Amino acid sequence: MKITKRQLKKIIKEEYRRVLSEAPNGFDYKESDGMSALFRENIGDEIDDLERSIEEILKLEGRSPAALMYIREELDELKAKFR
C-alpha cells in the first residue's frame, strides 16, 4: 500500500501530537530560535490549511495570471502586517 506525501505528513503530525500529549505537564521544549515545537506545529497546520484553501479556489477560478497575481498581492499584504 502506497501513501501520499500529504498522508505521511498527517501521520507524522498525529504521532507528534501524541508524543507531546504524553509529555509531562509544563513541558515546553524550545528550539534554539526560541520557538516551541507546538508553536511550529500549529503554524505549520495553519499554513497547510491556507495552501489547501488557495488550491481549492484556484481549481474553481482557474489558474489565470490575474488570479495568481491577486493571491500574491493579498499574501504580501498579510506578510507586511507581521513585520
PDB file of N, CA and C in Angstrom:
ATOM      1  N   MET A   1       0.835  -1.174   0.000  1.00  0.00           N
ATOM      2  CA  MET A   1       0.000   0.000   0.000  1.00  0.00           C
ATOM      3  C   MET A   1       0.885   1.245   0.000  1.00  0.00           C
ATOM      4  N   LYS A   2       0.653   2.113  -0.946  1.00  0.00           N
ATOM      5  CA  LYS A   2       1.423   3.348  -1.019  1.00  0.00           C
ATOM      6  C   LYS A   2       0.665   4.457  -0.312  1.00  0.00           C
ATOM      7  N   ILE A   3       1.417   5.396   0.252  1.00  0.00           N
ATOM      8  CA  ILE A   3       0.783   6.559   0.861  1.00  0.00           C
ATOM      9  C   ILE A   3       1.342   7.812   0.198  1.00  0.00           C
ATOM     10  N   THR A   4       0.517   8.849   0.184  1.00  0.00           N
ATOM     11  CA  THR A   4       0.937  10.097  -0.433  1.00  0.00           C
ATOM     12  C   THR A   4       1.762  10.907   0.560  1.00  0.00           C
ATOM     13  N   LYS A   5       2.417  11.923   0.059  1.00  0.00           N
ATOM     14  CA  LYS A   5       3.184  12.810   0.938  1.00  0.00           C
ATOM     15  C   LYS A   5       2.267  13.459   1.973  1.00  0.00           C
ATOM     16  N   ARG A   6       1.080  13.871   1.528  1.00  0.00           N
ATOM     17  CA  ARG A   6       0.116  14.505   2.438  1.00  0.00           C
ATOM     18  C   ARG A   6      -0.287  13.544   3.558  1.00  0.00           C
ATOM     19  N   GLN A   7      -0.528  12.274   3.201  1.00  0.00           N
ATOM     20  CA  GLN A   7      -0.886  11.281   4.211  1.00  0.00           C
ATOM     21  C   GLN A   7       0.269  11.063   5.189  1.00  0.00           C
ATOM     22  N   LEU A   8       1.486  11.023   4.666  1.00  0.00           N
ATOM     23  CA  LEU A   8       2.654  10.844   5.516  1.00  0.00           C
ATOM     24  C   LEU A   8       2.801  12.012   6.482  1.00  0.00           C
ATOM     25  N   LYS A   9       2.628  13.240   5.969  1.00  0.00           N
ATOM     26  CA  LYS A   9       2.703  14.410   6.848  1.00  0.00           C
ATOM     27  C   LYS A   9       1.662  14.339   7.949  1.00  0.00           C
ATOM     28  N   LYS A  10       0.451  13.905   7.586  1.00  0.00           N
ATOM     29  CA  LYS A  10      -0.628  13.800   8.571  1.00  0.00           C
ATOM     30  C   LYS A  10      -0.275  12.775   9.645  1.00  0.00           C
ATOM     31  N   ILE A  11       0.260  11.637   9.235  1.00  0.00           N
ATOM     32  CA  ILE A  11       0.649  10.592  10.182  1.00  0.00           C
ATOM     33  C   ILE A  11       1.720  11.115  11.126  1.00  0.00           C
ATOM     34  N   ILE A  12       2.702  11.805  10.578  1.00  0.00           N
ATOM     35  CA  ILE A  12       3.788  12.347  11.404  1.00  0.00           C
ATOM     36  C   ILE A  12       3.242  13.355  12.399  1.00  0.00           C
ATOM     37  N   LYS A  13       2.368  14.245  11.947  1.00  0.00           N
ATOM     38  CA  LYS A  13       1.791  15.248  12.846  1.00  0.00           C
ATOM     39  C   LYS A  13       0.976  14.595  13.954  1.00  0.00           C
ATOM     40  N   GLU A  14       0.201  13.571  13.614  1.00  0.00           N
ATOM     41  CA  GLU A  14      -0.600  12.881  14.623  1.00  0.00           C
ATOM     42  C   GLU A  14       0.289  12.217  15.667  1.00  0.00           C
ATOM     43  N   GLU A  15       1.351  11.575  15.213  1.00  0.00           N
ATOM     44  CA  GLU A  15       2.279  10.939  16.141  1.00  0.00           C
ATOM     45  C   GLU A  15       2.979  11.981  17.008  1.00  0.00           C
ATOM     46  N   TYR A  16       3.331  13.094  16.403  1.00  0.00           N
ATOM     47  CA  TYR A  16       3.989  14.171  17.130  1.00  0.00           C
ATOM     48  C   TYR A  16       3.067  14.696  18.235  1.00  0.00           C
ATOM     49  N   ARG A  17       1.788  14.915  17.890  1.00  0.00           N
ATOM     50  CA  ARG A  17       0.810  15.361  18.891  1.00  0.00           C
ATOM     51  C   ARG A  17       0.686  14.347  20.018  1.00  0.00           C
ATOM     52  N   ARG A  18       0.655  13.072  19.639  1.00  0.00           N
ATOM     53  CA  ARG A  18       0.534  12.024  20.654  1.00  0.00           C
ATOM     54  C   ARG A  18       1.716  12.067  21.613  1.00  0.00           C
ATOM     55  N   VAL A  19       2.903  12.195  21.070  1.00  0.00           N
ATOM     56  CA  VAL A  19       4.107  12.253  21.911  1.00  0.00           C
ATOM     57  C   VAL A  19       4.058  13.477  22.826  1.00  0.00           C
ATOM     58  N   LEU A  20       3.670  14.626  22.279  1.00  0.00           N
ATOM     59  CA  LEU A  20       3.573  15.836  23.102  1.00  0.00           C
ATOM     60  C   LEU A  20       2.518  15.693  24.185  1.00  0.00           C
ATOM     61  N   SER A  21       1.402  15.044  23.851  1.00  0.00           N
ATOM     62  CA  SER A  21       0.333  14.899  24.845  1.00  0.00           C
ATOM     63  C   SER A  21       0.755  13.975  25.986  1.00  0.00           C
ATOM     64  N   GLU A  22       1.688  13.081  25.710  1.00  0.00           N
ATOM     65  CA  GLU A  22       2.172  12.173  26.740  1.00  0.00           C
ATOM     66  C   GLU A  22       3.321  12.775  27.556  1.00  0.00           C
ATOM     67  N   ALA A  23       3.804  13.924  27.147  1.00  0.00           N
ATOM     68  CA  ALA A  23       4.903  14.574  27.859  1.00  0.00           C
ATOM     69  C   ALA A  23       4.411  15.082  29.217  1.00  0.00           C
ATOM     70  N   PRO A  24       5.324  15.224  30.166  1.00  0.00           N
ATOM     71  CA  PRO A  24       4.917  15.724  31.487  1.00  0.00           C
ATOM     72  C   PRO A  24       4.293  17.120  31.385  1.00  0.00           C
ATOM     73  N   ASN A  25       3.393  17.426  32.320  1.00  0.00           N
ATOM     74  CA  ASN A  25       2.776  18.757  32.342  1.00  0.00           C
ATOM     75  C   ASN A  25       3.848  19.824  32.443  1.00  0.00           C
ATOM     76  N   GLY A  26       3.593  20.927  31.781  1.00  0.00           N
ATOM     77  CA  GLY A  26       4.563  22.014  31.805  1.00  0.00           C
ATOM     78  C   GLY A  26       5.671  21.850  30.784  1.00  0.00           C
ATOM     79  N   PHE A  27       5.632  20.768  30.029  1.00  0.00           N
ATOM     80  CA  PHE A  27       6.653  20.519  29.012  1.00  0.00           C
ATOM     81  C   PHE A  27       6.533  21.564  27.921  1.00  0.00           C
ATOM     82  N   ASP A  28       7.576  22.342  27.738  1.00  0.00           N
ATOM     83  CA  ASP A  28       7.560  23.396  26.730  1.00  0.00           C
ATOM     84  C   ASP A  28       8.942  23.479  26.101  1.00  0.00           C
ATOM     85  N   TYR A  29       9.258  22.476  25.316  1.00  0.00           N
ATOM     86  CA  TYR A  29      10.554  22.411  24.664  1.00  0.00           C
ATOM     87  C   TYR A  29      10.711  23.567  23.688  1.00  0.00           C
ATOM     88  N   LYS A  30      11.803  24.278  23.797  1.00  0.00           N
ATOM     89  CA  LYS A  30      12.083  25.399  22.896  1.00  0.00           C
ATOM     90  C   LYS A  30      13.252  25.039  21.998  1.00  0.00           C
ATOM     91  N   GLU A  31      13.095  25.363  20.733  1.00  0.00           N
ATOM     92  CA  GLU A  31      14.185  25.182  19.783  1.00  0.00           C
ATOM     93  C   GLU A  31      15.232  26.260  20.050  1.00  0.00           C
ATOM     94  N   SER A  32      16.348  26.181  19.350  1.00  0.00           N
ATOM     95  CA  SER A  32      17.415  27.155  19.550  1.00  0.00           C
ATOM     96  C   SER A  32      16.982  28.571  19.179  1.00  0.00           C
ATOM     97  N   ASP A  33      15.961  28.697  18.331  1.00  0.00           N
ATOM     98  CA  ASP A  33      15.492  30.028  17.953  1.00  0.00           C
ATOM     99  C   ASP A  33      14.400  30.538  18.891  1.00  0.00           C
ATOM    100  N   GLY A  34      14.076  29.786  19.943  1.00  0.00           N
ATOM    101  CA  GLY A  34      13.134  30.249  20.955  1.00  0.00           C
ATOM    102  C   GLY A  34      11.684  29.885  20.696  1.00  0.00           C
ATOM    103  N   MET A  35      11.385  29.219  19.578  1.00  0.00           N
ATOM    104  CA  MET A  35      10.001  28.834  19.309  1.00  0.00           C
ATOM    105  C   MET A  35       9.766  27.406  19.787  1.00  0.00           C
ATOM    106  N   SER A  36       8.618  27.190  20.406  1.00  0.00           N
ATOM    107  CA  SER A  36       8.318  25.842  20.883  1.00  0.00           C
ATOM    108  C   SER A  36       7.911  24.953  19.716  1.00  0.00           C
ATOM    109  N   ALA A  37       8.066  23.675  19.928  1.00  0.00           N
ATOM    110  CA  ALA A  37       7.693  22.706  18.901  1.00  0.00           C
ATOM    111  C   ALA A  37       6.193  22.765  18.636  1.00  0.00           C
ATOM    112  N   LEU A  38       5.405  22.984  19.667  1.00  0.00           N
ATOM    113  CA  LEU A  38       3.953  23.067  19.498  1.00  0.00           C
ATOM    114  C   LEU A  38       3.573  24.281  18.662  1.00  0.00           C
ATOM    115  N   PHE A  39       4.259  25.405  18.881  1.00  0.00           N
ATOM    116  CA  PHE A  39       4.013  26.603  18.079  1.00  0.00           C
ATOM    117  C   PHE A  39       4.301  26.311  16.611  1.00  0.00           C
ATOM    118  N   ARG A  40       5.432  25.692  16.348  1.00  0.00           N
ATOM    119  CA  ARG A  40       5.801  25.354  14.970  1.00  0.00           C
ATOM    120  C   ARG A  40       4.744  24.454  14.334  1.00  0.00           C
ATOM    121  N   GLU A  41       4.277  23.477  15.085  1.00  0.00           N
ATOM    122  CA  GLU A  41       3.279  22.553  14.561  1.00  0.00           C
ATOM    123  C   GLU A  41       1.976  23.281  14.248  1.00  0.00           C
ATOM    124  N   ASN A  42       1.540  24.139  15.165  1.00  0.00           N
ATOM    125  CA  ASN A  42       0.285  24.863  14.951  1.00  0.00           C
ATOM    126  C   ASN A  42       0.369  25.788  13.749  1.00  0.00           C
ATOM    127  N   ILE A  43       1.463  26.507  13.622  1.00  0.00           N
ATOM    128  CA  ILE A  43       1.643  27.405  12.476  1.00  0.00           C
ATOM    129  C   ILE A  43       1.718  26.583  11.192  1.00  0.00           C
ATOM    130  N   GLY A  44       2.425  25.477  11.237  1.00  0.00           N
ATOM    131  CA  GLY A  44       2.524  24.604  10.067  1.00  0.00           C
ATOM    132  C   GLY A  44       1.165  24.100   9.624  1.00  0.00           C
ATOM    133  N   ASP A  45       0.330  23.721  10.591  1.00  0.00           N
ATOM    134  CA  ASP A  45      -1.026  23.261  10.267  1.00  0.00           C
ATOM    135  C   ASP A  45      -1.834  24.364   9.602  1.00  0.00           C
ATOM    136  N   GLU A  46      -1.736  25.577  10.130  1.00  0.00           N
ATOM    137  CA  GLU A  46      -2.495  26.695   9.568  1.00  0.00           C
ATOM    138  C   GLU A  46      -2.029  27.021   8.146  1.00  0.00           C
ATOM    139  N   ILE A  47      -0.721  26.961   7.921  1.00  0.00           N
ATOM    140  CA  ILE A  47      -0.181  27.233   6.587  1.00  0.00           C
ATOM    141  C   ILE A  47      -0.647  26.147   5.607  1.00  0.00           C
ATOM    142  N   ASP A  48      -0.649  24.893   6.067  1.00  0.00           N
ATOM    143  CA  ASP A  48      -1.142  23.797   5.222  1.00  0.00           C
ATOM    144  C   ASP A  48      -2.607  24.020   4.862  1.00  0.00           C
ATOM    145  N   ASP A  49      -3.407  24.440   5.847  1.00  0.00           N
ATOM    146  CA  ASP A  49      -4.821  24.717   5.586  1.00  0.00           C
ATOM    147  C   ASP A  49      -4.980  25.848   4.575  1.00  0.00           C
ATOM    148  N   LEU A  50      -4.188  26.896   4.726  1.00  0.00           N
ATOM    149  CA  LEU A  50      -4.243  28.024   3.800  1.00  0.00           C
ATOM    150  C   LEU A  50      -3.873  27.578   2.388  1.00  0.00           C
ATOM    151  N   GLU A  51      -2.840  26.770   2.296  1.00  0.00           N
ATOM    152  CA  GLU A  51      -2.399  26.275   0.992  1.00  0.00           C
ATOM    153  C   GLU A  51      -3.502  25.455   0.318  1.00  0.00           C
ATOM    154  N   ARG A  52      -4.145  24.575   1.090  1.00  0.00           N
ATOM    155  CA  ARG A  52      -5.241  23.775   0.541  1.00  0.00           C
ATOM    156  C   ARG A  52      -6.402  24.661   0.099  1.00  0.00           C
ATOM    157  N   SER A  53      -6.708  25.683   0.887  1.00  0.00           N
ATOM    158  CA  SER A  53      -7.798  26.602   0.534  1.00  0.00           C
ATOM    159  C   SER A  53      -7.501  27.333  -0.762  1.00  0.00           C
ATOM    160  N   ILE A  54      -6.281  27.811  -0.909  1.00  0.00           N
ATOM    161  CA  ILE A  54      -5.893  28.516  -2.132  1.00  0.00           C
ATOM    162  C   ILE A  54      -5.977  27.576  -3.327  1.00  0.00           C
ATOM    163  N   GLU A  55      -5.512  26.339  -3.157  1.00  0.00           N
ATOM    164  CA  GLU A  55      -5.591  25.365  -4.253  1.00  0.00           C
ATOM    165  C   GLU A  55      -7.037  25.120  -4.666  1.00  0.00           C
ATOM    166  N   GLU A  56      -7.934  25.015  -3.684  1.00  0.00           N
ATOM    167  CA  GLU A  56      -9.351  24.798  -3.988  1.00  0.00           C
ATOM    168  C   GLU A  56      -9.929  25.989  -4.755  1.00  0.00           C
ATOM    169  N   ILE A  57      -9.577  27.193  -4.326  1.00  0.00           N
ATOM    170  CA  ILE A  57     -10.060  28.402  -5.011  1.00  0.00           C
ATOM    171  C   ILE A  57      -9.549  28.431  -6.450  1.00  0.00           C
ATOM    172  N   LEU A  58      -8.280  28.087  -6.636  1.00  0.00           N
ATOM    173  CA  LEU A  58      -7.710  28.099  -7.981  1.00  0.00           C
ATOM    174  C   LEU A  58      -8.341  27.033  -8.873  1.00  0.00           C
ATOM    175  N   LYS A  59      -8.743  25.915  -8.285  1.00  0.00           N
ATOM    176  CA  LYS A  59      -9.430  24.890  -9.081  1.00  0.00           C
ATOM    177  C   LYS A  59     -10.754  25.437  -9.597  1.00  0.00           C
ATOM    178  N   LEU A  60     -11.450  26.201  -8.751  1.00  0.00           N
ATOM    179  CA  LEU A  60     -12.743  26.762  -9.150  1.00  0.00           C
ATOM    180  C   LEU A  60     -12.584  27.946 -10.097  1.00  0.00           C
ATOM    181  N   GLU A  61     -11.610  28.794  -9.801  1.00  0.00           N
ATOM    182  CA  GLU A  61     -11.436  30.050 -10.531  1.00  0.00           C
ATOM    183  C   GLU A  61     -10.537  29.883 -11.754  1.00  0.00           C
ATOM    184  N   GLY A  62      -9.680  28.910 -11.696  1.00  0.00           N
ATOM    185  CA  GLY A  62      -8.700  28.738 -12.769  1.00  0.00           C
ATOM    186  C   GLY A  62      -7.399  29.418 -12.389  1.00  0.00           C
ATOM    187  N   ARG A  63      -6.324  28.944 -12.952  1.00  0.00           N
ATOM    188  CA  ARG A  63      -5.002  29.477 -12.617  1.00  0.00           C
ATOM    189  C   ARG A  63      -4.629  30.626 -13.549  1.00  0.00           C
ATOM    190  N   SER A  64      -5.521  31.543 -13.699  1.00  0.00           N
ATOM    191  CA  SER A  64      -5.248  32.678 -14.577  1.00  0.00           C
ATOM    192  C   SER A  64      -4.171  33.568 -13.954  1.00  0.00           C
ATOM    193  N   PRO A  65      -3.406  34.266 -14.782  1.00  0.00           N
ATOM    194  CA  PRO A  65      -2.397  35.182 -14.245  1.00  0.00           C
ATOM    195  C   PRO A  65      -3.007  36.217 -13.290  1.00  0.00           C
ATOM    196  N   ALA A  66      -4.208  36.679 -13.590  1.00  0.00           N
ATOM    197  CA  ALA A  66      -4.850  37.679 -12.732  1.00  0.00           C
ATOM    198  C   ALA A  66      -5.160  37.085 -11.354  1.00  0.00           C
ATOM    199  N   ALA A  67      -5.643  35.845 -11.310  1.00  0.00           N
ATOM    200  CA  ALA A  67      -5.957  35.201 -10.033  1.00  0.00           C
ATOM    201  C   ALA A  67      -4.687  34.985  -9.216  1.00  0.00           C
ATOM    202  N   LEU A  68      -3.629  34.518  -9.875  1.00  0.00           N
ATOM    203  CA  LEU A  68      -2.361  34.295  -9.169  1.00  0.00           C
ATOM    204  C   LEU A  68      -1.773  35.600  -8.644  1.00  0.00           C
ATOM    205  N   MET A  69      -1.860  36.666  -9.446  1.00  0.00           N
ATOM    206  CA  MET A  69      -1.350  37.971  -9.015  1.00  0.00           C
ATOM    207  C   MET A  69      -2.135  38.482  -7.807  1.00  0.00           C
ATOM    208  N   TYR A  70      -3.441  38.310  -7.833  1.00  0.00           N
ATOM    209  CA  TYR A  70      -4.276  38.756  -6.720  1.00  0.00           C
ATOM    210  C   TYR A  70      -3.897  38.019  -5.429  1.00  0.00           C
ATOM    211  N   ILE A  71      -3.690  36.705  -5.526  1.00  0.00           N
ATOM    212  CA  ILE A  71      -3.291  35.922  -4.348  1.00  0.00           C
ATOM    213  C   ILE A  71      -1.942  36.399  -3.830  1.00  0.00           C
ATOM    214  N   ARG A  72      -0.990  36.635  -4.722  1.00  0.00           N
ATOM    215  CA  ARG A  72       0.331  37.131  -4.296  1.00  0.00           C
ATOM    216  C   ARG A  72       0.213  38.468  -3.570  1.00  0.00           C
ATOM    217  N   GLU A  73      -0.584  39.374  -4.128  1.00  0.00           N
ATOM    218  CA  GLU A  73      -0.756  40.698  -3.510  1.00  0.00           C
ATOM    219  C   GLU A  73      -1.382  40.574  -2.126  1.00  0.00           C
ATOM    220  N   GLU A  74      -2.383  39.723  -1.992  1.00  0.00           N
ATOM    221  CA  GLU A  74      -3.042  39.545  -0.691  1.00  0.00           C
ATOM    222  C   GLU A  74      -2.082  38.927   0.332  1.00  0.00           C
ATOM    223  N   LEU A  75      -1.287  37.949  -0.095  1.00  0.00           N
ATOM    224  CA  LEU A  75      -0.309  37.341   0.817  1.00  0.00           C
ATOM    225  C   LEU A  75       0.783  38.344   1.203  1.00  0.00           C
ATOM    226  N   ASP A  76       1.202  39.202   0.260  1.00  0.00           N
ATOM    227  CA  ASP A  76       2.184  40.229   0.588  1.00  0.00           C
ATOM    228  C   ASP A  76       1.624  41.203   1.621  1.00  0.00           C
ATOM    229  N   GLU A  77       0.346  41.561   1.483  1.00  0.00           N
ATOM    230  CA  GLU A  77      -0.293  42.438   2.456  1.00  0.00           C
ATOM    231  C   GLU A  77      -0.337  41.789   3.836  1.00  0.00           C
ATOM    232  N   LEU A  78      -0.681  40.525   3.858  1.00  0.00           N
ATOM    233  CA  LEU A  78      -0.732  39.792   5.123  1.00  0.00           C
ATOM    234  C   LEU A  78       0.655  39.729   5.755  1.00  0.00           C
ATOM    235  N   LYS A  79       1.653  39.435   4.945  1.00  0.00           N
ATOM    236  CA  LYS A  79       3.031  39.351   5.431  1.00  0.00           C
ATOM    237  C   LYS A  79       3.490  40.688   6.016  1.00  0.00           C
ATOM    238  N   ALA A  80       3.107  41.782   5.374  1.00  0.00           N
ATOM    239  CA  ALA A  80       3.518  43.117   5.829  1.00  0.00           C
ATOM    240  C   ALA A  80       2.956  43.437   7.218  1.00  0.00           C
ATOM    241  N   LYS A  81       1.822  42.857   7.562  1.00  0.00           N
ATOM    242  CA  LYS A  81       1.225  43.108   8.876  1.00  0.00           C
ATOM    243  C   LYS A  81       2.080  42.559  10.019  1.00  0.00           C
ATOM    244  N   PHE A  82       2.945  41.605   9.706  1.00  0.00           N
ATOM    245  CA  PHE A  82       3.732  40.944  10.755  1.00  0.00           C
ATOM    246  C   PHE A  82       5.208  41.345  10.744  1.00  0.00           C
ATOM    247  N   ARG A  83       5.512  42.416  10.095  1.00  0.00           N
ATOM    248  CA  ARG A  83       6.916  42.874  10.060  1.00  0.00           C
ATOM    249  C   ARG A  83       7.199  43.771  11.228  1.00  0.00           C
TER     250      ARG A  83
END
